[in-house]
Amino acid sequence: MGALYAEHVLGKKNPKVGLLNIGEEETKGNEQAKETYALLKNLTTI
């Protein structure tokens, strides 16, 4: 939803989406962050 709002209302072309975490590495964070990362990287629409 955030990516679509950024694109269509804020005018961001192909907006870059990030997951707030305590480090850049994929293995960082708590279980919520790790599970979310795995789901986000498999999306085709963002």
PDB file of all heavy atoms in Angstrom:
ATOM      1  N   MET A   1       0.825  -1.212   0.000  1.00  0.00           N
ATOM      2  CA  MET A   1       0.000   0.000   0.000  1.00  0.00           C
ATOM      3  C   MET A   1       0.857   1.259   0.000  1.00  0.00           C
ATOM      4  O   MET A   1       0.559   2.233  -0.695  1.00  0.00           O
ATOM      5  CB  MET A   1      -0.944  -0.017   1.210  1.00  0.00           C
ATOM      6  CG  MET A   1      -1.980  -1.123   1.162  1.00  0.00           C
ATOM      7  SD  MET A   1      -3.250  -0.991   2.468  1.00  0.00           S
ATOM      8  CE  MET A   1      -2.260  -1.251   3.945  1.00  0.00           C
ATOM      9  N   GLY A   2       1.939   1.244   0.786  1.00  0.00           N
ATOM     10  CA  GLY A   2       2.812   2.403   0.846  1.00  0.00           C
ATOM     11  C   GLY A   2       3.477   2.694  -0.490  1.00  0.00           C
ATOM     12  O   GLY A   2       3.593   3.853  -0.903  1.00  0.00           O
ATOM     13  N   ALA A   3       3.891   1.639  -1.178  1.00  0.00           N
ATOM     14  CA  ALA A   3       4.531   1.813  -2.483  1.00  0.00           C
ATOM     15  C   ALA A   3       3.557   2.409  -3.495  1.00  0.00           C
ATOM     16  O   ALA A   3       3.921   3.296  -4.283  1.00  0.00           O
ATOM     17  CB  ALA A   3       5.057   0.466  -2.981  1.00  0.00           C
ATOM     18  N   LEU A   4       2.319   1.960  -3.464  1.00  0.00           N
ATOM     19  CA  LEU A   4       1.319   2.475  -4.401  1.00  0.00           C
ATOM     20  C   LEU A   4       0.970   3.927  -4.093  1.00  0.00           C
ATOM     21  O   LEU A   4       0.782   4.737  -5.014  1.00  0.00           O
ATOM     22  CB  LEU A   4       0.060   1.602  -4.344  1.00  0.00           C
ATOM     23  CG  LEU A   4       0.242   0.202  -4.931  1.00  0.00           C
ATOM     24  CD1 LEU A   4      -0.941  -0.695  -4.580  1.00  0.00           C
ATOM     25  CD2 LEU A   4       0.395   0.285  -6.452  1.00  0.00           C
ATOM     26  N   TYR A   5       0.887   4.275  -2.813  1.00  0.00           N
ATOM     27  CA  TYR A   5       0.612   5.661  -2.442  1.00  0.00           C
ATOM     28  C   TYR A   5       1.778   6.557  -2.868  1.00  0.00           C
ATOM     29  O   TYR A   5       1.574   7.657  -3.402  1.00  0.00           O
ATOM     30  CB  TYR A   5       0.386   5.763  -0.935  1.00  0.00           C
ATOM     31  CG  TYR A   5       0.050   7.163  -0.471  1.00  0.00           C
ATOM     32  CD1 TYR A   5      -1.250   7.648  -0.550  1.00  0.00           C
ATOM     33  CD2 TYR A   5       1.037   8.005   0.037  1.00  0.00           C
ATOM     34  CE1 TYR A   5      -1.555   8.931  -0.126  1.00  0.00           C
ATOM     35  CE2 TYR A   5       0.732   9.281   0.457  1.00  0.00           C
ATOM     36  CZ  TYR A   5      -0.572   9.745   0.374  1.00  0.00           C
ATOM     37  OH  TYR A   5      -0.862  11.018   0.777  1.00  0.00           O
ATOM     38  N   ALA A   6       3.001   6.087  -2.616  1.00  0.00           N
ATOM     39  CA  ALA A   6       4.185   6.868  -2.988  1.00  0.00           C
ATOM     40  C   ALA A   6       4.243   7.095  -4.497  1.00  0.00           C
ATOM     41  O   ALA A   6       4.619   8.172  -4.961  1.00  0.00           O
ATOM     42  CB  ALA A   6       5.449   6.160  -2.519  1.00  0.00           C
ATOM     43  N   GLU A   7       3.838   6.096  -5.248  1.00  0.00           N
ATOM     44  CA  GLU A   7       3.882   6.205  -6.706  1.00  0.00           C
ATOM     45  C   GLU A   7       2.792   7.121  -7.248  1.00  0.00           C
ATOM     46  O   GLU A   7       3.067   8.052  -8.023  1.00  0.00           O
ATOM     47  CB  GLU A   7       3.745   4.823  -7.340  1.00  0.00           C
ATOM     48  CG  GLU A   7       3.718   4.841  -8.864  1.00  0.00           C
ATOM     49  CD  GLU A   7       3.519   3.468  -9.476  1.00  0.00           C
ATOM     50  OE1 GLU A   7       3.460   2.470  -8.724  1.00  0.00           O
ATOM     51  OE2 GLU A   7       3.422   3.394 -10.717  1.00  0.00           O
ATOM     52  N   HIS A   8       1.561   6.892  -6.848  1.00  0.00           N
ATOM     53  CA  HIS A   8       0.428   7.562  -7.474  1.00  0.00           C
ATOM     54  C   HIS A   8       0.071   8.910  -6.853  1.00  0.00           C
ATOM     55  O   HIS A   8      -0.552   9.747  -7.522  1.00  0.00           O
ATOM     56  CB  HIS A   8      -0.790   6.642  -7.448  1.00  0.00           C
ATOM     57  CG  HIS A   8      -0.620   5.413  -8.289  1.00  0.00           C
ATOM     58  ND1 HIS A   8      -0.678   5.439  -9.655  1.00  0.00           N
ATOM     59  CD2 HIS A   8      -0.382   4.122  -7.929  1.00  0.00           C
ATOM     60  CE1 HIS A   8      -0.485   4.218 -10.129  1.00  0.00           C
ATOM     61  NE2 HIS A   8      -0.297   3.398  -9.106  1.00  0.00           N
ATOM     62  N   VAL A   9       0.447   9.148  -5.597  1.00  0.00           N
ATOM     63  CA  VAL A   9       0.129  10.419  -4.951  1.00  0.00           C
ATOM     64  C   VAL A   9       1.377  11.294  -4.799  1.00  0.00           C
ATOM     65  O   VAL A   9       1.339  12.489  -5.072  1.00  0.00           O
ATOM     66  CB  VAL A   9      -0.528  10.198  -3.575  1.00  0.00           C
ATOM     67  CG1 VAL A   9      -0.820  11.531  -2.896  1.00  0.00           C
ATOM     68  CG2 VAL A   9      -1.828   9.403  -3.738  1.00  0.00           C
ATOM     69  N   LEU A  10       2.490  10.682  -4.386  1.00  0.00           N
ATOM     70  CA  LEU A  10       3.715  11.446  -4.167  1.00  0.00           C
ATOM     71  C   LEU A  10       4.575  11.562  -5.415  1.00  0.00           C
ATOM     72  O   LEU A  10       5.567  12.294  -5.429  1.00  0.00           O
ATOM     73  CB  LEU A  10       4.536  10.825  -3.030  1.00  0.00           C
ATOM     74  CG  LEU A  10       3.824  10.702  -1.678  1.00  0.00           C
ATOM     75  CD1 LEU A  10       4.762  10.094  -0.644  1.00  0.00           C
ATOM     76  CD2 LEU A  10       3.318  12.059  -1.205  1.00  0.00           C
ATOM     77  N   GLY A  11       4.210  10.815  -6.462  1.00  0.00           N
ATOM     78  CA  GLY A  11       4.930  10.911  -7.723  1.00  0.00           C
ATOM     79  C   GLY A  11       6.273  10.207  -7.747  1.00  0.00           C
ATOM     80  O   GLY A  11       7.145  10.548  -8.554  1.00  0.00           O
ATOM     81  N   LYS A  12       6.472   9.210  -6.889  1.00  0.00           N
ATOM     82  CA  LYS A  12       7.723   8.453  -6.850  1.00  0.00           C
ATOM     83  C   LYS A  12       7.674   7.320  -7.880  1.00  0.00           C
ATOM     84  O   LYS A  12       6.834   6.424  -7.784  1.00  0.00           O
ATOM     85  CB  LYS A  12       7.948   7.866  -5.457  1.00  0.00           C
ATOM     86  CG  LYS A  12       7.945   8.881  -4.324  1.00  0.00           C
ATOM     87  CD  LYS A  12       9.317   9.449  -4.103  1.00  0.00           C
ATOM     88  CE  LYS A  12       9.370  10.283  -2.833  1.00  0.00           C
ATOM     89  NZ  LYS A  12      10.724  10.798  -2.550  1.00  0.00           N
ATOM     90  N   LYS A  13       8.557   7.346  -8.840  1.00  0.00           N
ATOM     91  CA  LYS A  13       8.589   6.308  -9.866  1.00  0.00           C
ATOM     92  C   LYS A  13       9.316   5.076  -9.333  1.00  0.00           C
ATOM     93  O   LYS A  13      10.448   5.158  -8.877  1.00  0.00           O
ATOM     94  CB  LYS A  13       9.289   6.819 -11.129  1.00  0.00           C
ATOM     95  CG  LYS A  13       9.248   5.832 -12.291  1.00  0.00           C
ATOM     96  CD  LYS A  13       9.892   6.426 -13.533  1.00  0.00           C
ATOM     97  CE  LYS A  13       9.822   5.444 -14.690  1.00  0.00           C
ATOM     98  NZ  LYS A  13      10.464   6.005 -15.920  1.00  0.00           N
ATOM     99  N   ASN A  14       8.643   3.925  -9.378  1.00  0.00           N
ATOM    100  CA  ASN A  14       9.194   2.663  -8.872  1.00  0.00           C
ATOM    101  C   ASN A  14       9.798   2.845  -7.484  1.00  0.00           C
ATOM    102  O   ASN A  14      10.989   2.606  -7.261  1.00  0.00           O
ATOM    103  CB  ASN A  14      10.259   2.122  -9.835  1.00  0.00           C
ATOM    104  CG  ASN A  14      10.622   0.675  -9.538  1.00  0.00           C
ATOM    105  OD1 ASN A  14       9.805  -0.096  -9.031  1.00  0.00           O
ATOM    106  ND2 ASN A  14      11.849   0.308  -9.854  1.00  0.00           N
ATOM    107  N   PRO A  15       8.992   3.272  -6.507  1.00  0.00           N
ATOM    108  CA  PRO A  15       9.508   3.605  -5.174  1.00  0.00           C
ATOM    109  C   PRO A  15      10.229   2.440  -4.501  1.00  0.00           C
ATOM    110  O   PRO A  15       9.794   1.299  -4.575  1.00  0.00           O
ATOM    111  CB  PRO A  15       8.251   4.005  -4.395  1.00  0.00           C
ATOM    112  CG  PRO A  15       7.116   3.380  -5.135  1.00  0.00           C
ATOM    113  CD  PRO A  15       7.521   3.385  -6.572  1.00  0.00           C
ATOM    114  N   LYS A  16      11.331   2.776  -3.845  1.00  0.00           N
ATOM    115  CA  LYS A  16      12.140   1.776  -3.148  1.00  0.00           C
ATOM    116  C   LYS A  16      11.595   1.566  -1.743  1.00  0.00           C
ATOM    117  O   LYS A  16      11.462   2.511  -0.969  1.00  0.00           O
ATOM    118  CB  LYS A  16      13.592   2.250  -3.093  1.00  0.00           C
ATOM    119  CG  LYS A  16      14.565   1.263  -2.467  1.00  0.00           C
ATOM    120  CD  LYS A  16      15.975   1.845  -2.469  1.00  0.00           C
ATOM    121  CE  LYS A  16      16.975   0.905  -1.815  1.00  0.00           C
ATOM    122  NZ  LYS A  16      18.341   1.502  -1.780  1.00  0.00           N
ATOM    123  N   VAL A  17      11.272   0.322  -1.428  1.00  0.00           N
ATOM    124  CA  VAL A  17      10.659  -0.024  -0.141  1.00  0.00           C
ATOM    125  C   VAL A  17      11.681  -0.704   0.764  1.00  0.00           C
ATOM    126  O   VAL A  17      12.400  -1.611   0.336  1.00  0.00           O
ATOM    127  CB  VAL A  17       9.451  -0.958  -0.340  1.00  0.00           C
ATOM    128  CG1 VAL A  17       8.834  -1.335   1.008  1.00  0.00           C
ATOM    129  CG2 VAL A  17       8.414  -0.307  -1.245  1.00  0.00           C
ATOM    130  N   GLY A  18      11.753  -0.248   2.006  1.00  0.00           N
ATOM    131  CA  GLY A  18      12.650  -0.865   2.976  1.00  0.00           C
ATOM    132  C   GLY A  18      11.915  -1.338   4.215  1.00  0.00           C
ATOM    133  O   GLY A  18      10.849  -0.811   4.564  1.00  0.00           O
ATOM    134  N   LEU A  19      12.491  -2.322   4.888  1.00  0.00           N
ATOM    135  CA  LEU A  19      11.942  -2.836   6.144  1.00  0.00           C
ATOM    136  C   LEU A  19      12.797  -2.307   7.282  1.00  0.00           C
ATOM    137  O   LEU A  19      14.014  -2.554   7.327  1.00  0.00           O
ATOM    138  CB  LEU A  19      11.957  -4.367   6.138  1.00  0.00           C
ATOM    139  CG  LEU A  19      11.554  -5.059   7.449  1.00  0.00           C
ATOM    140  CD1 LEU A  19      10.095  -4.787   7.790  1.00  0.00           C
ATOM    141  CD2 LEU A  19      11.815  -6.562   7.365  1.00  0.00           C
ATOM    142  N   LEU A  20      12.211  -1.549   8.208  1.00  0.00           N
ATOM    143  CA  LEU A  20      12.971  -0.963   9.309  1.00  0.00           C
ATOM    144  C   LEU A  20      13.535  -2.063  10.204  1.00  0.00           C
ATOM    145  O   LEU A  20      12.810  -2.935  10.681  1.00  0.00           O
ATOM    146  CB  LEU A  20      12.076  -0.033  10.137  1.00  0.00           C
ATOM    147  CG  LEU A  20      12.787   0.826  11.174  1.00  0.00           C
ATOM    148  CD1 LEU A  20      13.832   1.731  10.528  1.00  0.00           C
ATOM    149  CD2 LEU A  20      11.777   1.662  11.957  1.00  0.00           C
ATOM    150  N   ASN A  21      14.873  -2.012  10.400  1.00  0.00           N
ATOM    151  CA  ASN A  21      15.541  -3.075  11.141  1.00  0.00           C
ATOM    152  C   ASN A  21      16.787  -2.512  11.825  1.00  0.00           C
ATOM    153  O   ASN A  21      17.129  -1.335  11.653  1.00  0.00           O
ATOM    154  CB  ASN A  21      15.918  -4.220  10.188  1.00  0.00           C
ATOM    155  CG  ASN A  21      15.971  -5.570  10.888  1.00  0.00           C
ATOM    156  OD1 ASN A  21      16.266  -5.664  12.070  1.00  0.00           O
ATOM    157  ND2 ASN A  21      15.692  -6.626  10.137  1.00  0.00           N
ATOM    158  N   ILE A  22      17.475  -3.348  12.582  1.00  0.00           N
ATOM    159  CA  ILE A  22      18.656  -2.920  13.323  1.00  0.00           C
ATOM    160  C   ILE A  22      19.941  -3.113  12.521  1.00  0.00           C
ATOM    161  O   ILE A  22      21.033  -2.841  13.017  1.00  0.00           O
ATOM    162  CB  ILE A  22      18.773  -3.663  14.664  1.00  0.00           C
ATOM    163  CG1 ILE A  22      18.839  -5.175  14.441  1.00  0.00           C
ATOM    164  CG2 ILE A  22      17.597  -3.297  15.568  1.00  0.00           C
ATOM    165  CD1 ILE A  22      19.101  -5.968  15.707  1.00  0.00           C
ATOM    166  N   GLY A  23      19.845  -3.560  11.298  1.00  0.00           N
ATOM    167  CA  GLY A  23      21.001  -3.748  10.434  1.00  0.00           C
ATOM    168  C   GLY A  23      20.571  -4.035   9.009  1.00  0.00           C
ATOM    169  O   GLY A  23      19.410  -4.362   8.748  1.00  0.00           O
ATOM    170  N   GLU A  24      21.499  -3.914   8.079  1.00  0.00           N
ATOM    171  CA  GLU A  24      21.177  -4.109   6.668  1.00  0.00           C
ATOM    172  C   GLU A  24      21.063  -5.579   6.280  1.00  0.00           C
ATOM    173  O   GLU A  24      20.351  -5.925   5.332  1.00  0.00           O
ATOM    174  CB  GLU A  24      22.254  -3.461   5.791  1.00  0.00           C
ATOM    175  CG  GLU A  24      22.342  -1.950   5.940  1.00  0.00           C
ATOM    176  CD  GLU A  24      23.423  -1.359   5.060  1.00  0.00           C
ATOM    177  OE1 GLU A  24      24.147  -2.150   4.396  1.00  0.00           O
ATOM    178  OE2 GLU A  24      23.560  -0.131   5.029  1.00  0.00           O
ATOM    179  N   GLU A  25      21.779  -6.464   6.997  1.00  0.00           N
ATOM    180  CA  GLU A  25      21.835  -7.867   6.601  1.00  0.00           C
ATOM    181  C   GLU A  25      20.470  -8.555   6.723  1.00  0.00           C
ATOM    182  O   GLU A  25      19.701  -8.271   7.635  1.00  0.00           O
ATOM    183  CB  GLU A  25      22.864  -8.617   7.461  1.00  0.00           C
ATOM    184  CG  GLU A  25      24.285  -8.092   7.318  1.00  0.00           C
ATOM    185  CD  GLU A  25      24.574  -6.911   8.211  1.00  0.00           C
ATOM    186  OE1 GLU A  25      23.647  -6.459   8.930  1.00  0.00           O
ATOM    187  OE2 GLU A  25      25.722  -6.420   8.198  1.00  0.00           O
ATOM    188  N   GLU A  26      20.229  -9.475   5.840  1.00  0.00           N
ATOM    189  CA  GLU A  26      18.953 -10.197   5.818  1.00  0.00           C
ATOM    190  C   GLU A  26      18.712 -10.976   7.100  1.00  0.00           C
ATOM    191  O   GLU A  26      17.562 -11.191   7.508  1.00  0.00           O
ATOM    192  CB  GLU A  26      18.932 -11.137   4.612  1.00  0.00           C
ATOM    193  CG  GLU A  26      17.627 -11.901   4.438  1.00  0.00           C
ATOM    194  CD  GLU A  26      17.604 -12.736   3.159  1.00  0.00           C
ATOM    195  OE1 GLU A  26      18.502 -12.540   2.312  1.00  0.00           O
ATOM    196  OE2 GLU A  26      16.693 -13.573   3.013  1.00  0.00           O
ATOM    197  N   THR A  27      19.773 -11.410   7.764  1.00  0.00           N
ATOM    198  CA  THR A  27      19.635 -12.236   8.965  1.00  0.00           C
ATOM    199  C   THR A  27      19.441 -11.402  10.240  1.00  0.00           C
ATOM    200  O   THR A  27      19.286 -11.963  11.326  1.00  0.00           O
ATOM    201  CB  THR A  27      20.897 -13.101   9.146  1.00  0.00           C
ATOM    202  OG1 THR A  27      22.059 -12.255   9.166  1.00  0.00           O
ATOM    203  CG2 THR A  27      21.023 -14.096   7.998  1.00  0.00           C
ATOM    204  N   LYS A  28      19.450 -10.076  10.139  1.00  0.00           N
ATOM    205  CA  LYS A  28      19.304  -9.215  11.308  1.00  0.00           C
ATOM    206  C   LYS A  28      17.861  -9.162  11.799  1.00  0.00           C
ATOM    207  O   LYS A  28      16.916  -9.415  11.049  1.00  0.00           O
ATOM    208  CB  LYS A  28      19.764  -7.800  10.974  1.00  0.00           C
ATOM    209  CG  LYS A  28      21.257  -7.640  10.798  1.00  0.00           C
ATOM    210  CD  LYS A  28      21.968  -7.593  12.139  1.00  0.00           C
ATOM    211  CE  LYS A  28      23.443  -7.247  11.962  1.00  0.00           C
ATOM    212  NZ  LYS A  28      24.136  -7.099  13.233  1.00  0.00           N
ATOM    213  N   GLY A  29      17.706  -8.773  13.077  1.00  0.00           N
ATOM    214  CA  GLY A  29      16.380  -8.481  13.601  1.00  0.00           C
ATOM    215  C   GLY A  29      15.735  -9.622  14.363  1.00  0.00           C
ATOM    216  O   GLY A  29      16.288 -10.711  14.507  1.00  0.00           O
ATOM    217  N   ASN A  30      14.524  -9.334  14.858  1.00  0.00           N
ATOM    218  CA  ASN A  30      13.756 -10.354  15.574  1.00  0.00           C
ATOM    219  C   ASN A  30      13.018 -11.257  14.584  1.00  0.00           C
ATOM    220  O   ASN A  30      13.131 -11.106  13.366  1.00  0.00           O
ATOM    221  CB  ASN A  30      12.782  -9.695  16.553  1.00  0.00           C
ATOM    222  CG  ASN A  30      11.873  -8.683  15.872  1.00  0.00           C
ATOM    223  OD1 ASN A  30      11.688  -8.706  14.643  1.00  0.00           O
ATOM    224  ND2 ASN A  30      11.292  -7.784  16.646  1.00  0.00           N
ATOM    225  N   GLU A  31      12.242 -12.189  15.109  1.00  0.00           N
ATOM    226  CA  GLU A  31      11.560 -13.142  14.232  1.00  0.00           C
ATOM    227  C   GLU A  31      10.569 -12.450  13.305  1.00  0.00           C
ATOM    228  O   GLU A  31      10.407 -12.834  12.149  1.00  0.00           O
ATOM    229  CB  GLU A  31      10.845 -14.210  15.076  1.00  0.00           C
ATOM    230  CG  GLU A  31      11.791 -15.185  15.753  1.00  0.00           C
ATOM    231  CD  GLU A  31      12.709 -15.881  14.762  1.00  0.00           C
ATOM    232  OE1 GLU A  31      12.211 -16.367  13.723  1.00  0.00           O
ATOM    233  OE2 GLU A  31      13.929 -15.918  15.018  1.00  0.00           O
ATOM    234  N   GLN A  32       9.903 -11.417  13.828  1.00  0.00           N
ATOM    235  CA  GLN A  32       8.955 -10.669  12.983  1.00  0.00           C
ATOM    236  C   GLN A  32       9.664 -10.082  11.771  1.00  0.00           C
ATOM    237  O   GLN A  32       9.192 -10.187  10.641  1.00  0.00           O
ATOM    238  CB  GLN A  32       8.315  -9.544  13.799  1.00  0.00           C
ATOM    239  CG  GLN A  32       7.310  -8.701  13.016  1.00  0.00           C
ATOM    240  CD  GLN A  32       7.074  -7.338  13.656  1.00  0.00           C
ATOM    241  OE1 GLN A  32       8.009  -6.561  13.857  1.00  0.00           O
ATOM    242  NE2 GLN A  32       5.821  -7.051  13.996  1.00  0.00           N
ATOM    243  N   ALA A  33      10.820  -9.470  12.009  1.00  0.00           N
ATOM    244  CA  ALA A  33      11.565  -8.843  10.922  1.00  0.00           C
ATOM    245  C   ALA A  33      12.067  -9.871   9.916  1.00  0.00           C
ATOM    246  O   ALA A  33      11.982  -9.660   8.691  1.00  0.00           O
ATOM    247  CB  ALA A  33      12.740  -8.051  11.494  1.00  0.00           C
ATOM    248  N   LYS A  34      12.587 -10.989  10.395  1.00  0.00           N
ATOM    249  CA  LYS A  34      13.117 -12.027   9.500  1.00  0.00           C
ATOM    250  C   LYS A  34      12.013 -12.622   8.626  1.00  0.00           C
ATOM    251  O   LYS A  34      12.191 -12.834   7.420  1.00  0.00           O
ATOM    252  CB  LYS A  34      13.799 -13.119  10.313  1.00  0.00           C
ATOM    253  CG  LYS A  34      15.059 -12.663  11.035  1.00  0.00           C
ATOM    254  CD  LYS A  34      15.610 -13.771  11.923  1.00  0.00           C
ATOM    255  CE  LYS A  34      16.812 -13.290  12.724  1.00  0.00           C
ATOM    256  NZ  LYS A  34      17.319 -14.335  13.648  1.00  0.00           N
ATOM    257  N   GLU A  35      10.868 -12.895   9.244  1.00  0.00           N
ATOM    258  CA  GLU A  35       9.751 -13.465   8.476  1.00  0.00           C
ATOM    259  C   GLU A  35       9.222 -12.455   7.452  1.00  0.00           C
ATOM    260  O   GLU A  35       8.894 -12.815   6.320  1.00  0.00           O
ATOM    261  CB  GLU A  35       8.627 -13.896   9.423  1.00  0.00           C
ATOM    262  CG  GLU A  35       8.963 -15.104  10.286  1.00  0.00           C
ATOM    263  CD  GLU A  35       7.798 -15.484  11.192  1.00  0.00           C
ATOM    264  OE1 GLU A  35       6.635 -15.272  10.781  1.00  0.00           O
ATOM    265  OE2 GLU A  35       8.048 -15.973  12.308  1.00  0.00           O
ATOM    266  N   THR A  36       9.154 -11.186   7.867  1.00  0.00           N
ATOM    267  CA  THR A  36       8.658 -10.148   6.957  1.00  0.00           C
ATOM    268  C   THR A  36       9.600  -9.968   5.783  1.00  0.00           C
ATOM    269  O   THR A  36       9.165  -9.807   4.635  1.00  0.00           O
ATOM    270  CB  THR A  36       8.498  -8.813   7.708  1.00  0.00           C
ATOM    271  OG1 THR A  36       7.627  -8.993   8.827  1.00  0.00           O
ATOM    272  CG2 THR A  36       7.919  -7.750   6.791  1.00  0.00           C
ATOM    273  N   TYR A  37      10.906  -9.978   6.049  1.00  0.00           N
ATOM    274  CA  TYR A  37      11.897  -9.831   4.987  1.00  0.00           C
ATOM    275  C   TYR A  37      11.706 -10.917   3.932  1.00  0.00           C
ATOM    276  O   TYR A  37      11.704 -10.635   2.719  1.00  0.00           O
ATOM    277  CB  TYR A  37      13.307  -9.913   5.582  1.00  0.00           C
ATOM    278  CG  TYR A  37      14.412  -9.543   4.624  1.00  0.00           C
ATOM    279  CD1 TYR A  37      15.079  -8.327   4.749  1.00  0.00           C
ATOM    280  CD2 TYR A  37      14.805 -10.399   3.591  1.00  0.00           C
ATOM    281  CE1 TYR A  37      16.091  -7.967   3.870  1.00  0.00           C
ATOM    282  CE2 TYR A  37      15.812 -10.065   2.718  1.00  0.00           C
ATOM    283  CZ  TYR A  37      16.459  -8.842   2.858  1.00  0.00           C
ATOM    284  OH  TYR A  37      17.463  -8.489   1.977  1.00  0.00           O
ATOM    285  N   ALA A  38      11.548 -12.155   4.395  1.00  0.00           N
ATOM    286  CA  ALA A  38      11.404 -13.276   3.457  1.00  0.00           C
ATOM    287  C   ALA A  38      10.174 -13.111   2.571  1.00  0.00           C
ATOM    288  O   ALA A  38      10.200 -13.449   1.382  1.00  0.00           O
ATOM    289  CB  ALA A  38      11.323 -14.586   4.233  1.00  0.00           C
ATOM    290  N   LEU A  39       9.104 -12.569   3.132  1.00  0.00           N
ATOM    291  CA  LEU A  39       7.883 -12.367   2.350  1.00  0.00           C
ATOM    292  C   LEU A  39       8.025 -11.196   1.379  1.00  0.00           C
ATOM    293  O   LEU A  39       7.603 -11.275   0.224  1.00  0.00           O
ATOM    294  CB  LEU A  39       6.705 -12.115   3.295  1.00  0.00           C
ATOM    295  CG  LEU A  39       6.280 -13.287   4.192  1.00  0.00           C
ATOM    296  CD1 LEU A  39       5.238 -12.825   5.211  1.00  0.00           C
ATOM    297  CD2 LEU A  39       5.714 -14.434   3.353  1.00  0.00           C
ATOM    298  N   LEU A  40       8.639 -10.110   1.845  1.00  0.00           N
ATOM    299  CA  LEU A  40       8.763  -8.918   1.013  1.00  0.00           C
ATOM    300  C   LEU A  40       9.642  -9.165  -0.212  1.00  0.00           C
ATOM    301  O   LEU A  40       9.362  -8.667  -1.309  1.00  0.00           O
ATOM    302  CB  LEU A  40       9.337  -7.763   1.827  1.00  0.00           C
ATOM    303  CG  LEU A  40       8.387  -7.055   2.799  1.00  0.00           C
ATOM    304  CD1 LEU A  40       9.150  -6.100   3.700  1.00  0.00           C
ATOM    305  CD2 LEU A  40       7.293  -6.295   2.048  1.00  0.00           C
ATOM    306  N   LYS A  41      10.711  -9.919  -0.043  1.00  0.00           N
ATOM    307  CA  LYS A  41      11.638 -10.098  -1.162  1.00  0.00           C
ATOM    308  C   LYS A  41      11.042 -10.976  -2.269  1.00  0.00           C
ATOM    309  O   LYS A  41      11.569 -10.991  -3.388  1.00  0.00           O
ATOM    310  CB  LYS A  41      12.962 -10.681  -0.678  1.00  0.00           C
ATOM    311  CG  LYS A  41      12.946 -12.145  -0.315  1.00  0.00           C
ATOM    312  CD  LYS A  41      14.357 -12.624   0.024  1.00  0.00           C
ATOM    313  CE  LYS A  41      14.399 -14.119   0.286  1.00  0.00           C
ATOM    314  NZ  LYS A  41      15.782 -14.588   0.573  1.00  0.00           N
ATOM    315  N   ASN A  42       9.956 -11.671  -1.974  1.00  0.00           N
ATOM    316  CA  ASN A  42       9.310 -12.512  -2.983  1.00  0.00           C
ATOM    317  C   ASN A  42       8.158 -11.823  -3.707  1.00  0.00           C
ATOM    318  O   ASN A  42       7.540 -12.404  -4.597  1.00  0.00           O
ATOM    319  CB  ASN A  42       8.800 -13.811  -2.338  1.00  0.00           C
ATOM    320  CG  ASN A  42       9.924 -14.737  -1.932  1.00  0.00           C
ATOM    321  OD1 ASN A  42      10.933 -14.838  -2.631  1.00  0.00           O
ATOM    322  ND2 ASN A  42       9.771 -15.414  -0.802  1.00  0.00           N
ATOM    323  N   LEU A  43       7.857 -10.577  -3.315  1.00  0.00           N
ATOM    324  CA  LEU A  43       6.781  -9.848  -3.975  1.00  0.00           C
ATOM    325  C   LEU A  43       7.189  -9.432  -5.381  1.00  0.00           C
ATOM    326  O   LEU A  43       8.348  -9.130  -5.643  1.00  0.00           O
ATOM    327  CB  LEU A  43       6.400  -8.604  -3.166  1.00  0.00           C
ATOM    328  CG  LEU A  43       5.774  -8.805  -1.784  1.00  0.00           C
ATOM    329  CD1 LEU A  43       5.439  -7.455  -1.162  1.00  0.00           C
ATOM    330  CD2 LEU A  43       4.528  -9.669  -1.863  1.00  0.00           C
ATOM    331  N   THR A  44       6.214  -9.402  -6.258  1.00  0.00           N
ATOM    332  CA  THR A  44       6.481  -8.994  -7.646  1.00  0.00           C
ATOM    333  C   THR A  44       5.964  -7.594  -7.948  1.00  0.00           C
ATOM    334  O   THR A  44       6.292  -7.024  -8.985  1.00  0.00           O
ATOM    335  CB  THR A  44       5.809  -9.982  -8.626  1.00  0.00           C
ATOM    336  OG1 THR A  44       4.383  -9.974  -8.401  1.00  0.00           O
ATOM    337  CG2 THR A  44       6.342 -11.390  -8.435  1.00  0.00           C
ATOM    338  N   THR A  45       5.164  -7.030  -7.042  1.00  0.00           N
ATOM    339  CA  THR A  45       4.517  -5.743  -7.321  1.00  0.00           C
ATOM    340  C   THR A  45       5.250  -4.546  -6.725  1.00  0.00           C
ATOM    341  O   THR A  45       4.854  -3.406  -6.958  1.00  0.00           O
ATOM    342  CB  THR A  45       3.068  -5.746  -6.787  1.00  0.00           C
ATOM    343  OG1 THR A  45       3.087  -6.045  -5.381  1.00  0.00           O
ATOM    344  CG2 THR A  45       2.224  -6.767  -7.521  1.00  0.00           C
ATOM    345  N   ILE A  46       6.309  -4.766  -5.928  1.00  0.00           N
ATOM    346  CA  ILE A  46       7.031  -3.638  -5.341  1.00  0.00           C
ATOM    347  C   ILE A  46       8.532  -3.793  -5.552  1.00  0.00           C
ATOM    348  O   ILE A  46       9.034  -4.889  -5.818  1.00  0.00           O
ATOM    349  CB  ILE A  46       6.751  -3.484  -3.828  1.00  0.00           C
ATOM    350  CG1 ILE A  46       7.340  -4.652  -3.028  1.00  0.00           C
ATOM    351  CG2 ILE A  46       5.269  -3.330  -3.556  1.00  0.00           C
ATOM    352  CD1 ILE A  46       7.308  -4.431  -1.528  1.00  0.00           C
TER     353      ILE A  46
END
